[in-house]
Structure formats: structure tokens, C-alpha cells
Amino acid sequence: MIDLHCHILPRIDDGAIDLKTAFKMAVIAYKDGIDTIVATPHVVDTPINMEKLKKSVKKLTMLINSKDINISILPGAEVSAFALSQIKDIKSYTINNSRYLLLEFPNINLPEYFDEIIFNLSAQEIVPVLAHPERNPEIINEPSRIEKFLKNNVLIQITAGSITGLFGTKIKKCAEYMLENNLVDIVASDAHSTRRRPPILSHAFKQVEKMLGHKVAQIYFYKNPRAIIEDRSIVK
């Protein structure tokens, strides 16, 4: 499996607290059947140094390789809608230098300037991948609103923990509605630690497989994530 959304890099955001923790997260992911992780630290108010991020990716990769853990770490970022106006070269923040950008909206609502955001990104030939909308209160209350995003060529990534019930019943029901109504493109871990939010996808994969079948689960956990990191078109 491929995990497109993971806060594995140490001491950059609220993810791994140190290199030891980052390594342990990689081991957990490897044992779970994940062979590729995109490191996506938060970019909230101001830009981060992407060269520093890539050095962190390289350092973690060297440590993992030295321990014979066969897992790849790729660069990326989870960019807040608030930070977009502060970033000059948004393409440097995309997933593995592809056309795809992991975009996070506010946790409490949907921004009124959504159309402007999408238009500006499209003008730069960037495809937004909306992170965990099933955890947004407005979407929880009215899941069908996610259709607006799909009509604007926005990809939808939901969190594995939302499917398994980690975030509660309401979010689980929202995630299930989105899955059952073909409103999802990718499932990722959004892992932050080795315990409460570890990089585990297999439990959610089994849930999706039970709900929608093996072929659909393969699309969300393997095929679409692979297409994104290789800068190809996804399966809709």
C-alpha cells in the first residue's frame, strides 16, 4: 500500500517528535504492508523550507535503509488554505514534485473563497487533493456537499481512522456515506505518532474491501496513490 498523507518527519510539525519516533513509524508502516510513505508536514501560516524538508527525508531514508526496512519516503506537504497566499512557488510543495497538492481546509468550516482557491491552483496546473473532508463539521452534517469539490476536479482523500471509527461514530458514518456514494479517491493514514495515530492502513483496507469489494479497495490504497506519486491520472 501507499500512504499519501503522513506526518513522519521529525521535529517539523506535530508529527514525529524525533528521528527515533520517525523510524518506529516507518517500521509500523512496513509491517502493515505499506511500501511508500509521502511525508506531508503541515504548512499552516507561513512557508516551510522545502530544501530542509528534503534533507530530512534523505536522512530518514538512510536510517531506514541501514536497517533493511524496504520502504520509500517521498517529499510532500499538507498545505493549509490560509498559507497559499504566502507561498511563491506552490509547485515545490506538491506530492513528490507532481501536479498534485495535498490541501487542508479549516477544521471548523468550508471557506467561502473555495472557488477562487481552486481557480488559482488550476491556473498553475495543480490538482488539489483535499485532506480528510469527512472530519469537517459542515461535511459531517451534510456529506453530499462534497460533490461540489468533485465537480471542480478536486480529489478527495479520507483518513483510514475515520473508516475504522478512531474519530467517533459521526465521522465514521460520514466516511461510509462518501465511500458508498463514490465520493472518495484516496485513503491515507494521516499518521502523527506510533500509538494513537500510527501509520496503519490495513484495517481500513479490510473495511473498504468488505463494503465495496477488493477491486475498489485496490484503487483507493494502491492504484490512485501510485498514479499520484508518478504524476499520472487517477482512476475515477
Protein backbone atom coordinates (compact mmCIF):
# COMPACT_ATOMS: atom_id res chain seq x y z
CA MET A 1 0.00 0.00 0.00
CA ILE A 2 0.97 3.65 -0.41
CA ASP A 3 0.37 6.24 2.29
CA LEU A 4 -0.03 9.68 0.71
CA HIS A 5 -0.54 11.60 3.96
CA CYS A 6 1.78 11.03 6.91
CA HIS A 7 3.46 13.31 9.46
CA ILE A 8 6.54 11.15 9.80
CA LEU A 9 9.35 13.71 9.57
CA PRO A 10 10.84 14.55 12.97
CA ARG A 11 10.66 17.96 14.64
CA ILE A 12 8.90 19.78 11.80
CA ASP A 13 5.28 19.87 12.95
CA ASP A 14 3.05 17.98 15.42
CA GLY A 15 4.09 14.61 13.99
CA ALA A 16 7.15 12.55 14.94
CA ILE A 17 8.92 14.17 17.89
CA ASP A 18 12.37 12.84 16.97
CA LEU A 19 14.23 10.63 14.49
CA LYS A 20 13.76 7.56 16.70
CA THR A 21 9.98 8.01 16.60
CA ALA A 22 10.05 8.58 12.84
CA PHE A 23 11.96 5.32 12.40
CA LYS A 24 9.48 3.45 14.59
CA MET A 25 6.62 4.84 12.50
CA ALA A 26 8.35 3.57 9.35
CA VAL A 27 8.70 0.11 10.90
CA ILE A 28 5.00 0.05 11.84
CA ALA A 29 4.05 1.06 8.30
CA TYR A 30 6.35 -1.56 6.76
CA LYS A 31 4.89 -4.32 8.93
CA ASP A 32 1.40 -3.17 7.94
CA GLY A 33 2.16 -3.68 4.24
CA ILE A 34 2.96 -0.08 3.29
CA ASP A 35 5.89 0.26 0.89
CA THR A 36 5.79 4.01 0.23
CA ILE A 37 5.10 6.99 2.50
CA VAL A 38 4.72 10.60 1.41
CA ALA A 39 5.98 12.86 4.21
CA THR A 40 3.43 15.68 4.49
CA PRO A 41 4.23 18.12 7.31
CA HIS A 42 1.74 20.90 8.00
CA VAL A 43 2.20 24.25 6.26
CA VAL A 44 -0.22 26.39 8.27
CA ASP A 45 0.56 30.11 8.35
CA THR A 46 3.95 30.53 6.72
CA PRO A 47 6.01 28.54 4.19
CA ILE A 48 8.49 25.90 5.29
CA ASN A 49 11.96 25.36 3.88
CA MET A 50 11.46 22.59 1.32
CA GLU A 51 15.19 22.01 0.98
CA LYS A 52 15.35 21.35 4.71
CA LEU A 53 12.38 19.00 4.36
CA LYS A 54 14.07 17.06 1.56
CA LYS A 55 17.22 16.73 3.68
CA SER A 56 15.07 15.32 6.47
CA VAL A 57 13.54 12.84 4.03
CA LYS A 58 17.01 11.80 2.90
CA LYS A 59 18.26 11.38 6.49
CA LEU A 60 15.30 9.23 7.46
CA THR A 61 15.64 7.18 4.27
CA MET A 62 19.31 6.48 5.03
CA LEU A 63 18.41 5.29 8.53
CA ILE A 64 15.63 3.05 7.24
CA ASN A 65 17.83 1.56 4.53
CA SER A 66 20.61 0.86 7.04
CA LYS A 67 18.13 -1.30 9.00
CA ASP A 68 16.95 -3.22 5.91
CA ILE A 69 13.43 -1.76 6.05
CA ASN A 70 12.16 -1.78 2.47
CA ILE A 71 10.03 1.36 2.44
CA SER A 72 10.36 4.59 0.44
CA ILE A 73 9.87 8.07 1.88
CA LEU A 74 8.87 10.79 -0.60
CA PRO A 75 8.58 14.58 -0.12
CA GLY A 76 5.32 16.48 0.10
CA ALA A 77 3.36 18.80 2.38
CA GLU A 78 -0.13 19.36 3.78
CA VAL A 79 -0.79 22.96 2.84
CA SER A 80 -3.43 24.99 4.65
CA ALA A 81 -5.70 27.19 2.56
CA PHE A 82 -4.54 30.06 4.76
CA ALA A 83 -0.91 29.56 3.71
CA LEU A 84 -1.42 29.62 -0.05
CA SER A 85 -1.14 33.40 -0.37
CA GLN A 86 2.23 33.28 1.44
CA ILE A 87 3.81 30.71 -0.88
CA LYS A 88 5.55 31.93 -4.02
CA ASP A 89 6.41 28.58 -5.60
CA ILE A 90 3.50 26.32 -4.73
CA LYS A 91 4.73 23.58 -7.08
CA SER A 92 7.65 22.88 -4.77
CA TYR A 93 5.12 21.73 -2.13
CA THR A 94 3.37 19.15 -4.30
CA ILE A 95 3.39 15.39 -3.69
CA ASN A 96 6.71 14.03 -4.97
CA ASN A 97 7.05 17.03 -7.33
CA SER A 98 3.89 16.00 -9.20
CA ARG A 99 0.87 18.08 -10.25
CA TYR A 100 -0.95 17.02 -7.05
CA LEU A 101 -1.08 19.20 -3.92
CA LEU A 102 -2.40 17.98 -0.55
CA LEU A 103 -4.67 20.82 0.57
CA GLU A 104 -6.19 21.28 4.03
CA PHE A 105 -9.24 23.43 4.70
CA PRO A 106 -10.14 24.84 8.14
CA ASN A 107 -11.36 22.29 10.68
CA ILE A 108 -14.46 24.27 11.60
CA ASN A 109 -15.98 25.25 8.25
CA LEU A 110 -15.63 25.40 4.48
CA PRO A 111 -14.08 28.64 3.21
CA GLU A 112 -16.29 30.92 1.14
CA TYR A 113 -13.35 31.57 -1.19
CA PHE A 114 -13.16 27.91 -2.25
CA ASP A 115 -13.79 28.63 -5.96
CA GLU A 116 -11.02 31.23 -6.02
CA ILE A 117 -8.56 28.82 -4.45
CA ILE A 118 -9.32 26.10 -6.98
CA PHE A 119 -9.19 28.54 -9.90
CA ASN A 120 -5.78 29.87 -8.83
CA LEU A 121 -4.34 26.37 -8.41
CA SER A 122 -5.79 25.20 -11.73
CA ALA A 123 -4.19 28.20 -13.44
CA GLN A 124 -0.86 26.80 -12.23
CA GLU A 125 -1.79 23.31 -13.49
CA ILE A 126 -2.06 21.98 -9.94
CA VAL A 127 -4.67 19.42 -8.87
CA PRO A 128 -5.80 19.81 -5.26
CA VAL A 129 -6.13 16.69 -3.11
CA LEU A 130 -8.47 17.70 -0.29
CA ALA A 131 -7.32 16.19 3.01
CA HIS A 132 -9.85 14.49 5.31
CA PRO A 133 -13.03 16.49 4.49
CA GLU A 134 -15.07 13.82 6.33
CA ARG A 135 -13.77 15.37 9.57
CA ASN A 136 -15.09 18.84 8.71
CA PRO A 137 -18.29 19.71 10.69
CA GLU A 138 -20.09 21.11 7.63
CA ILE A 139 -19.40 17.94 5.64
CA ILE A 140 -20.32 15.71 8.60
CA ASN A 141 -23.72 17.43 8.79
CA GLU A 142 -24.25 17.29 5.01
CA PRO A 143 -21.89 14.77 3.33
CA SER A 144 -23.42 15.35 -0.11
CA ARG A 145 -21.75 18.79 -0.14
CA ILE A 146 -18.54 17.03 -1.09
CA GLU A 147 -19.95 16.65 -4.61
CA LYS A 148 -19.18 20.32 -5.20
CA PHE A 149 -15.48 19.60 -4.82
CA LEU A 150 -15.55 16.69 -7.23
CA LYS A 151 -17.25 18.84 -9.86
CA ASN A 152 -14.31 21.25 -9.58
CA ASN A 153 -11.75 18.50 -10.31
CA VAL A 154 -10.67 18.26 -6.68
CA LEU A 155 -9.54 14.83 -5.46
CA ILE A 156 -10.78 13.58 -2.09
CA GLN A 157 -8.58 11.88 0.48
CA ILE A 158 -10.20 10.43 3.58
CA THR A 159 -8.44 9.14 6.68
CA ALA A 160 -8.11 5.44 7.47
CA GLY A 161 -9.01 6.14 11.11
CA SER A 162 -12.28 7.74 10.02
CA ILE A 163 -13.30 4.44 8.42
CA THR A 164 -12.34 2.35 11.45
CA GLY A 165 -14.05 4.63 13.99
CA LEU A 166 -10.97 6.27 15.53
CA PHE A 167 -12.58 9.72 15.38
CA GLY A 168 -16.04 8.69 16.55
CA THR A 169 -19.36 7.48 15.16
CA LYS A 170 -20.39 10.64 13.27
CA ILE A 171 -17.15 10.82 11.29
CA LYS A 172 -17.27 7.07 10.63
CA LYS A 173 -20.80 7.40 9.20
CA CYS A 174 -19.70 10.35 7.07
CA ALA A 175 -16.75 8.36 5.70
CA GLU A 176 -19.02 5.39 4.95
CA TYR A 177 -21.51 7.63 3.13
CA MET A 178 -18.71 9.06 1.00
CA LEU A 179 -17.37 5.60 0.18
CA GLU A 180 -20.79 4.18 -0.66
CA ASN A 181 -21.56 7.13 -2.95
CA ASN A 182 -18.25 7.13 -4.86
CA LEU A 183 -17.08 10.42 -3.34
CA VAL A 184 -13.57 9.22 -2.44
CA ASP A 185 -10.33 8.97 -4.44
CA ILE A 186 -7.68 8.02 -1.87
CA VAL A 187 -7.44 6.65 1.67
CA ALA A 188 -4.37 7.63 3.74
CA SER A 189 -3.30 7.35 7.38
CA ASP A 190 -2.66 11.00 8.38
CA ALA A 191 -0.42 9.38 10.98
CA HIS A 192 1.17 11.57 13.66
CA SER A 193 2.69 9.06 16.09
CA THR A 194 3.38 5.42 16.89
CA ARG A 195 0.39 4.99 19.21
CA ARG A 196 -2.86 6.92 18.93
CA ARG A 197 -2.47 7.74 15.23
CA PRO A 198 0.03 5.26 13.76
CA PRO A 199 0.69 4.73 10.03
CA ILE A 200 -1.67 1.77 9.61
CA LEU A 201 -3.87 1.25 6.55
CA SER A 202 -4.65 -2.48 6.61
CA HIS A 203 -7.63 -2.23 8.98
CA ALA A 204 -9.33 0.39 6.81
CA PHE A 205 -8.46 -1.61 3.68
CA LYS A 206 -10.34 -4.61 5.07
CA GLN A 207 -13.34 -2.42 5.91
CA VAL A 208 -13.46 -0.94 2.41
CA GLU A 209 -12.93 -4.37 0.88
CA LYS A 210 -15.89 -5.70 2.87
CA MET A 211 -18.09 -2.73 1.87
CA LEU A 212 -17.17 -2.29 -1.79
CA GLY A 213 -15.06 -5.24 -2.88
CA HIS A 214 -11.38 -5.95 -3.45
CA LYS A 215 -11.03 -4.04 -6.73
CA VAL A 216 -12.33 -0.79 -5.26
CA ALA A 217 -10.11 -1.13 -2.18
CA GLN A 218 -7.13 -1.60 -4.51
CA ILE A 219 -7.96 1.68 -6.24
CA TYR A 220 -8.05 3.70 -3.01
CA PHE A 221 -4.99 2.18 -1.33
CA TYR A 222 -2.76 1.20 -4.28
CA LYS A 223 -3.68 2.38 -7.78
CA ASN A 224 -4.66 6.01 -7.20
CA PRO A 225 -1.85 6.75 -4.72
CA ARG A 226 0.62 5.19 -7.17
CA ALA A 227 -0.74 7.29 -10.03
CA ILE A 228 -0.33 10.45 -7.94
CA ILE A 229 3.28 9.88 -6.91
CA GLU A 230 4.08 9.02 -10.54
CA ASP A 231 2.23 12.16 -11.75
CA ARG A 232 -0.34 10.22 -13.78
CA SER A 233 -4.12 10.49 -13.98
CA ILE A 234 -6.06 8.61 -11.33
CA VAL A 235 -8.93 6.12 -11.71
CA LYS A 236 -12.28 7.84 -11.18
